[in-house]
Amino acid sequence: MIDPIFQADNYLLARKLLDAAALRQEAIASNVANAETPGYRRLDVAPDFVQQLKACAAQGDLGAAGAALRPQLVEDASARSLRPDGNSVEIERELLAMNRNAVEYDYLSEIVSRNLKQLKQAITGRTT
């Protein structure tokens, strides 16, 4: 009965992007923890995840195809190793990425929370 509410495109999109933001935070934590590990290669969410999500949204198929779509961590091919030990982590870049990711996560969690609050209000008739 309430399934259509949770199948709304904005809700599904926010949930998928929230999953990606949580996974990106894990990658950033791993990158910072391994900043001094020789040969460590920077990790990030696969760039094709966003492209696939955009394609699903453009086709209006966030329900079926979007459900199967999951963000994955991959080695960041664009990160260059500037150090002689082969490590490709730049702490400044990671700190900036962490701040940006935190803002995105807060925004997306607010969207999901609002959707759930609207559902609660519709059921109970109260705003609290």
N, C-alpha and C. Protein backbone atom coordinates (compact mmCIF):
# COMPACT_ATOMS: atom_id res chain seq x y z
N MET A 1 0.81 -1.18 0.00
CA MET A 1 0.00 0.00 0.00
C MET A 1 0.86 1.26 0.00
N ILE A 2 1.93 1.27 0.80
CA ILE A 2 2.80 2.45 0.81
C ILE A 2 4.00 2.27 -0.10
N ASP A 3 4.11 1.13 -0.76
CA ASP A 3 5.23 0.90 -1.67
C ASP A 3 5.38 1.98 -2.73
N PRO A 4 4.30 2.48 -3.34
CA PRO A 4 4.47 3.54 -4.35
C PRO A 4 5.15 4.79 -3.80
N ILE A 5 4.98 5.07 -2.52
CA ILE A 5 5.63 6.23 -1.93
C ILE A 5 7.14 6.04 -1.95
N PHE A 6 7.57 4.83 -1.66
CA PHE A 6 9.00 4.55 -1.63
C PHE A 6 9.57 4.25 -3.01
N GLN A 7 8.74 4.28 -4.03
CA GLN A 7 9.19 4.08 -5.40
C GLN A 7 9.29 5.40 -6.16
N ALA A 8 9.05 6.52 -5.48
CA ALA A 8 9.16 7.84 -6.13
C ALA A 8 10.61 8.06 -6.56
N ASP A 9 10.78 8.64 -7.74
CA ASP A 9 12.11 8.80 -8.31
C ASP A 9 13.06 9.60 -7.42
N ASN A 10 12.58 10.69 -6.83
CA ASN A 10 13.48 11.50 -6.00
C ASN A 10 13.92 10.74 -4.76
N TYR A 11 13.04 9.95 -4.19
CA TYR A 11 13.39 9.14 -3.02
C TYR A 11 14.40 8.06 -3.39
N LEU A 12 14.15 7.35 -4.48
CA LEU A 12 15.07 6.28 -4.91
C LEU A 12 16.43 6.84 -5.28
N LEU A 13 16.44 7.96 -5.98
CA LEU A 13 17.69 8.59 -6.37
C LEU A 13 18.48 9.04 -5.15
N ALA A 14 17.81 9.66 -4.20
CA ALA A 14 18.49 10.10 -2.98
C ALA A 14 19.06 8.92 -2.20
N ARG A 15 18.31 7.83 -2.13
CA ARG A 15 18.81 6.64 -1.42
C ARG A 15 20.06 6.06 -2.08
N LYS A 16 20.05 5.98 -3.41
CA LYS A 16 21.21 5.44 -4.12
C LYS A 16 22.43 6.35 -3.94
N LEU A 17 22.21 7.65 -4.04
CA LEU A 17 23.32 8.58 -3.85
C LEU A 17 23.80 8.59 -2.41
N LEU A 18 22.91 8.35 -1.47
CA LEU A 18 23.28 8.24 -0.06
C LEU A 18 24.15 7.00 0.16
N ASP A 19 23.81 5.90 -0.49
CA ASP A 19 24.65 4.70 -0.43
C ASP A 19 26.05 4.98 -0.97
N ALA A 20 26.10 5.71 -2.08
CA ALA A 20 27.39 6.04 -2.68
C ALA A 20 28.20 6.96 -1.77
N ALA A 21 27.54 7.92 -1.12
CA ALA A 21 28.24 8.83 -0.21
C ALA A 21 28.80 8.08 0.99
N ALA A 22 28.05 7.13 1.52
CA ALA A 22 28.53 6.33 2.64
C ALA A 22 29.74 5.49 2.22
N LEU A 23 29.68 4.91 1.04
CA LEU A 23 30.80 4.12 0.54
C LEU A 23 32.01 5.00 0.26
N ARG A 24 31.78 6.20 -0.27
CA ARG A 24 32.87 7.13 -0.53
C ARG A 24 33.56 7.52 0.78
N GLN A 25 32.79 7.67 1.86
CA GLN A 25 33.38 8.00 3.15
C GLN A 25 34.31 6.88 3.62
N GLU A 26 33.93 5.63 3.37
CA GLU A 26 34.79 4.50 3.69
C GLU A 26 36.08 4.56 2.89
N ALA A 27 35.96 4.91 1.62
CA ALA A 27 37.14 5.01 0.76
C ALA A 27 38.07 6.10 1.25
N ILE A 28 37.51 7.26 1.61
CA ILE A 28 38.32 8.37 2.09
C ILE A 28 39.03 7.98 3.38
N ALA A 29 38.32 7.31 4.29
CA ALA A 29 38.93 6.86 5.54
C ALA A 29 40.08 5.90 5.27
N SER A 30 39.88 5.00 4.33
CA SER A 30 40.94 4.06 3.96
C SER A 30 42.13 4.79 3.34
N ASN A 31 41.83 5.77 2.48
CA ASN A 31 42.91 6.53 1.85
C ASN A 31 43.73 7.29 2.88
N VAL A 32 43.06 7.94 3.84
CA VAL A 32 43.78 8.69 4.87
C VAL A 32 44.59 7.73 5.74
N ALA A 33 44.01 6.60 6.09
CA ALA A 33 44.71 5.63 6.94
C ALA A 33 45.95 5.07 6.25
N ASN A 34 45.93 5.00 4.93
CA ASN A 34 47.05 4.44 4.18
C ASN A 34 47.90 5.49 3.47
N ALA A 35 47.82 6.72 3.93
CA ALA A 35 48.55 7.81 3.28
C ALA A 35 50.05 7.61 3.29
N GLU A 36 50.55 6.86 4.23
CA GLU A 36 52.00 6.62 4.33
C GLU A 36 52.39 5.20 3.94
N THR A 37 51.46 4.42 3.42
CA THR A 37 51.73 3.05 3.03
C THR A 37 52.35 3.02 1.63
N PRO A 38 53.57 2.53 1.51
CA PRO A 38 54.21 2.49 0.19
C PRO A 38 53.40 1.65 -0.81
N GLY A 39 53.20 2.19 -2.00
CA GLY A 39 52.51 1.47 -3.06
C GLY A 39 51.00 1.51 -2.99
N TYR A 40 50.44 2.11 -1.96
CA TYR A 40 48.98 2.17 -1.83
C TYR A 40 48.40 3.06 -2.92
N ARG A 41 47.32 2.59 -3.52
CA ARG A 41 46.64 3.35 -4.58
C ARG A 41 45.32 3.87 -4.05
N ARG A 42 45.02 5.11 -4.32
CA ARG A 42 43.81 5.78 -3.85
C ARG A 42 42.56 5.06 -4.34
N LEU A 43 41.55 4.93 -3.46
CA LEU A 43 40.27 4.32 -3.79
C LEU A 43 39.18 5.38 -3.89
N ASP A 44 38.17 5.11 -4.70
CA ASP A 44 37.00 5.98 -4.79
C ASP A 44 35.85 5.15 -5.35
N VAL A 45 34.65 5.73 -5.31
CA VAL A 45 33.49 5.08 -5.91
C VAL A 45 33.69 5.05 -7.41
N ALA A 46 33.33 3.95 -8.03
CA ALA A 46 33.49 3.80 -9.48
C ALA A 46 32.77 4.94 -10.20
N PRO A 47 33.47 5.63 -11.11
CA PRO A 47 32.86 6.78 -11.80
C PRO A 47 31.68 6.38 -12.69
N ASP A 48 31.63 5.15 -13.13
CA ASP A 48 30.52 4.74 -13.99
C ASP A 48 29.21 4.57 -13.21
N PHE A 49 29.28 4.53 -11.87
CA PHE A 49 28.06 4.43 -11.06
C PHE A 49 27.14 5.62 -11.32
N VAL A 50 27.69 6.82 -11.27
CA VAL A 50 26.89 8.03 -11.49
C VAL A 50 26.34 8.04 -12.91
N GLN A 51 27.13 7.63 -13.88
CA GLN A 51 26.67 7.60 -15.26
C GLN A 51 25.52 6.61 -15.44
N GLN A 52 25.65 5.44 -14.82
CA GLN A 52 24.59 4.44 -14.92
C GLN A 52 23.32 4.91 -14.21
N LEU A 53 23.51 5.59 -13.07
CA LEU A 53 22.36 6.10 -12.34
C LEU A 53 21.64 7.19 -13.14
N LYS A 54 22.42 8.05 -13.79
CA LYS A 54 21.82 9.08 -14.65
C LYS A 54 21.05 8.44 -15.80
N ALA A 55 21.60 7.39 -16.38
CA ALA A 55 20.93 6.71 -17.49
C ALA A 55 19.61 6.09 -17.03
N CYS A 56 19.62 5.47 -15.85
CA CYS A 56 18.39 4.89 -15.31
C CYS A 56 17.35 5.97 -15.04
N ALA A 57 17.79 7.10 -14.49
CA ALA A 57 16.87 8.20 -14.20
C ALA A 57 16.30 8.79 -15.48
N ALA A 58 17.13 8.92 -16.51
CA ALA A 58 16.68 9.48 -17.79
C ALA A 58 15.65 8.57 -18.45
N GLN A 59 15.81 7.27 -18.26
CA GLN A 59 14.86 6.31 -18.84
C GLN A 59 13.63 6.14 -17.96
N GLY A 60 13.68 6.73 -16.76
CA GLY A 60 12.56 6.58 -15.83
C GLY A 60 12.49 5.19 -15.24
N ASP A 61 13.63 4.54 -15.12
CA ASP A 61 13.67 3.15 -14.66
C ASP A 61 14.49 3.03 -13.37
N LEU A 62 14.26 3.91 -12.42
CA LEU A 62 14.99 3.82 -11.16
C LEU A 62 14.50 2.67 -10.30
N GLY A 63 13.30 2.22 -10.53
CA GLY A 63 12.74 1.13 -9.74
C GLY A 63 13.44 -0.19 -9.96
N ALA A 64 13.33 -0.74 -11.15
CA ALA A 64 13.87 -2.07 -11.42
C ALA A 64 15.38 -2.05 -11.66
N ALA A 65 15.80 -1.28 -12.63
CA ALA A 65 17.24 -1.24 -12.96
C ALA A 65 18.03 -0.57 -11.85
N GLY A 66 17.44 0.46 -11.25
CA GLY A 66 18.13 1.18 -10.19
C GLY A 66 18.35 0.33 -8.95
N ALA A 67 17.42 -0.58 -8.69
CA ALA A 67 17.55 -1.45 -7.51
C ALA A 67 18.76 -2.36 -7.63
N ALA A 68 19.07 -2.78 -8.84
CA ALA A 68 20.21 -3.67 -9.05
C ALA A 68 21.54 -2.92 -9.07
N LEU A 69 21.47 -1.62 -9.25
CA LEU A 69 22.66 -0.80 -9.36
C LEU A 69 23.25 -0.53 -7.98
N ARG A 70 24.50 -0.89 -7.77
CA ARG A 70 25.17 -0.70 -6.48
C ARG A 70 26.50 0.01 -6.70
N PRO A 71 26.82 1.00 -5.83
CA PRO A 71 28.13 1.64 -5.94
C PRO A 71 29.23 0.67 -5.51
N GLN A 72 30.38 0.78 -6.15
CA GLN A 72 31.51 -0.09 -5.82
C GLN A 72 32.77 0.74 -5.70
N LEU A 73 33.68 0.29 -4.85
CA LEU A 73 34.97 0.95 -4.73
C LEU A 73 35.93 0.40 -5.76
N VAL A 74 36.66 1.30 -6.38
CA VAL A 74 37.68 0.91 -7.35
C VAL A 74 38.91 1.78 -7.13
N GLU A 75 40.00 1.34 -7.66
CA GLU A 75 41.22 2.14 -7.62
C GLU A 75 41.03 3.36 -8.52
N ASP A 76 41.39 4.52 -8.02
CA ASP A 76 41.23 5.77 -8.77
C ASP A 76 42.30 5.86 -9.84
N ALA A 77 41.88 5.66 -11.09
CA ALA A 77 42.84 5.68 -12.20
C ALA A 77 43.37 7.07 -12.49
N SER A 78 42.64 8.10 -12.08
CA SER A 78 43.08 9.46 -12.36
C SER A 78 44.09 9.98 -11.32
N ALA A 79 44.24 9.26 -10.21
CA ALA A 79 45.18 9.69 -9.17
C ALA A 79 46.60 9.33 -9.60
N ARG A 80 47.46 10.31 -9.59
CA ARG A 80 48.85 10.09 -9.98
C ARG A 80 49.72 9.97 -8.74
N SER A 81 50.71 9.16 -8.85
CA SER A 81 51.66 9.02 -7.75
C SER A 81 52.77 10.04 -7.94
N LEU A 82 52.83 10.98 -7.02
CA LEU A 82 53.87 12.00 -7.07
C LEU A 82 55.03 11.66 -6.14
N ARG A 83 54.89 10.58 -5.44
CA ARG A 83 55.90 10.18 -4.47
C ARG A 83 56.73 9.02 -5.01
N PRO A 84 57.97 8.91 -4.57
CA PRO A 84 58.82 7.82 -5.07
C PRO A 84 58.38 6.43 -4.62
N ASP A 85 57.59 6.34 -3.54
CA ASP A 85 57.16 5.03 -3.05
C ASP A 85 55.92 4.50 -3.76
N GLY A 86 55.35 5.28 -4.72
CA GLY A 86 54.22 4.82 -5.50
C GLY A 86 52.86 5.08 -4.88
N ASN A 87 52.80 5.68 -3.70
CA ASN A 87 51.53 5.98 -3.04
C ASN A 87 50.87 7.15 -3.78
N SER A 88 49.57 7.01 -4.07
CA SER A 88 48.88 8.05 -4.84
C SER A 88 47.91 8.89 -4.00
N VAL A 89 48.03 8.83 -2.68
CA VAL A 89 47.14 9.58 -1.79
C VAL A 89 47.74 10.95 -1.51
N GLU A 90 46.92 11.99 -1.70
CA GLU A 90 47.29 13.35 -1.32
C GLU A 90 46.35 13.75 -0.18
N ILE A 91 46.91 13.98 0.99
CA ILE A 91 46.10 14.26 2.17
C ILE A 91 45.18 15.47 1.95
N GLU A 92 45.68 16.53 1.35
CA GLU A 92 44.86 17.72 1.13
C GLU A 92 43.63 17.40 0.28
N ARG A 93 43.85 16.61 -0.75
CA ARG A 93 42.74 16.21 -1.62
C ARG A 93 41.72 15.38 -0.86
N GLU A 94 42.20 14.50 0.00
CA GLU A 94 41.31 13.64 0.78
C GLU A 94 40.49 14.46 1.77
N LEU A 95 41.10 15.45 2.40
CA LEU A 95 40.38 16.29 3.35
C LEU A 95 39.30 17.10 2.64
N LEU A 96 39.61 17.61 1.46
CA LEU A 96 38.60 18.33 0.68
C LEU A 96 37.47 17.39 0.26
N ALA A 97 37.83 16.20 -0.17
CA ALA A 97 36.83 15.22 -0.57
C ALA A 97 35.95 14.82 0.62
N MET A 98 36.56 14.72 1.80
CA MET A 98 35.81 14.36 2.99
C MET A 98 34.79 15.45 3.34
N ASN A 99 35.20 16.71 3.26
CA ASN A 99 34.28 17.81 3.54
C ASN A 99 33.14 17.86 2.53
N ARG A 100 33.46 17.72 1.26
CA ARG A 100 32.43 17.75 0.22
C ARG A 100 31.46 16.58 0.39
N ASN A 101 32.00 15.41 0.69
CA ASN A 101 31.17 14.23 0.88
C ASN A 101 30.25 14.39 2.09
N ALA A 102 30.74 15.01 3.15
CA ALA A 102 29.91 15.23 4.34
C ALA A 102 28.74 16.14 4.03
N VAL A 103 28.98 17.19 3.24
CA VAL A 103 27.90 18.10 2.85
C VAL A 103 26.88 17.36 1.99
N GLU A 104 27.34 16.57 1.03
CA GLU A 104 26.44 15.81 0.17
C GLU A 104 25.63 14.81 0.99
N TYR A 105 26.28 14.14 1.93
CA TYR A 105 25.60 13.16 2.76
C TYR A 105 24.51 13.83 3.60
N ASP A 106 24.83 14.97 4.20
CA ASP A 106 23.84 15.71 5.00
C ASP A 106 22.64 16.11 4.14
N TYR A 107 22.90 16.61 2.95
CA TYR A 107 21.83 17.03 2.05
C TYR A 107 20.94 15.84 1.66
N LEU A 108 21.56 14.75 1.28
CA LEU A 108 20.80 13.58 0.85
C LEU A 108 20.02 12.96 2.00
N SER A 109 20.61 12.92 3.18
CA SER A 109 19.89 12.36 4.33
C SER A 109 18.70 13.25 4.70
N GLU A 110 18.82 14.55 4.49
CA GLU A 110 17.70 15.45 4.73
C GLU A 110 16.57 15.17 3.75
N ILE A 111 16.89 14.90 2.50
CA ILE A 111 15.85 14.58 1.51
C ILE A 111 15.10 13.31 1.90
N VAL A 112 15.84 12.28 2.28
CA VAL A 112 15.22 11.02 2.68
C VAL A 112 14.39 11.23 3.95
N SER A 113 14.93 11.98 4.91
CA SER A 113 14.20 12.23 6.16
C SER A 113 12.90 12.99 5.91
N ARG A 114 12.94 13.98 5.04
CA ARG A 114 11.73 14.74 4.71
C ARG A 114 10.66 13.85 4.11
N ASN A 115 11.09 12.95 3.24
CA ASN A 115 10.15 12.03 2.62
C ASN A 115 9.47 11.17 3.68
N LEU A 116 10.25 10.67 4.63
CA LEU A 116 9.70 9.84 5.69
C LEU A 116 8.81 10.66 6.64
N LYS A 117 9.20 11.91 6.89
CA LYS A 117 8.37 12.78 7.75
C LYS A 117 7.03 13.07 7.08
N GLN A 118 7.04 13.26 5.77
CA GLN A 118 5.79 13.50 5.04
C GLN A 118 4.88 12.27 5.12
N LEU A 119 5.47 11.10 5.03
CA LEU A 119 4.69 9.87 5.15
C LEU A 119 4.10 9.76 6.55
N LYS A 120 4.90 10.05 7.56
CA LYS A 120 4.41 10.00 8.94
C LYS A 120 3.27 10.99 9.14
N GLN A 121 3.41 12.18 8.58
CA GLN A 121 2.36 13.20 8.71
C GLN A 121 1.09 12.75 8.01
N ALA A 122 1.22 12.12 6.87
CA ALA A 122 0.05 11.65 6.13
C ALA A 122 -0.67 10.55 6.91
N ILE A 123 0.08 9.73 7.61
CA ILE A 123 -0.52 8.63 8.36
C ILE A 123 -1.18 9.13 9.65
N THR A 124 -0.43 9.96 10.39
CA THR A 124 -0.91 10.39 11.71
C THR A 124 -1.71 11.68 11.67
N GLY A 125 -1.48 12.53 10.67
CA GLY A 125 -2.14 13.82 10.61
C GLY A 125 -1.49 14.86 11.49
N ARG A 126 -0.35 14.50 12.10
CA ARG A 126 0.38 15.43 12.97
C ARG A 126 1.77 15.68 12.41
N THR A 127 2.34 16.83 12.73
CA THR A 127 3.67 17.18 12.24
C THR A 127 4.76 16.76 13.20
N THR A 128 4.44 16.38 14.43
CA THR A 128 5.47 15.97 15.40
C THR A 128 5.51 14.51 15.62
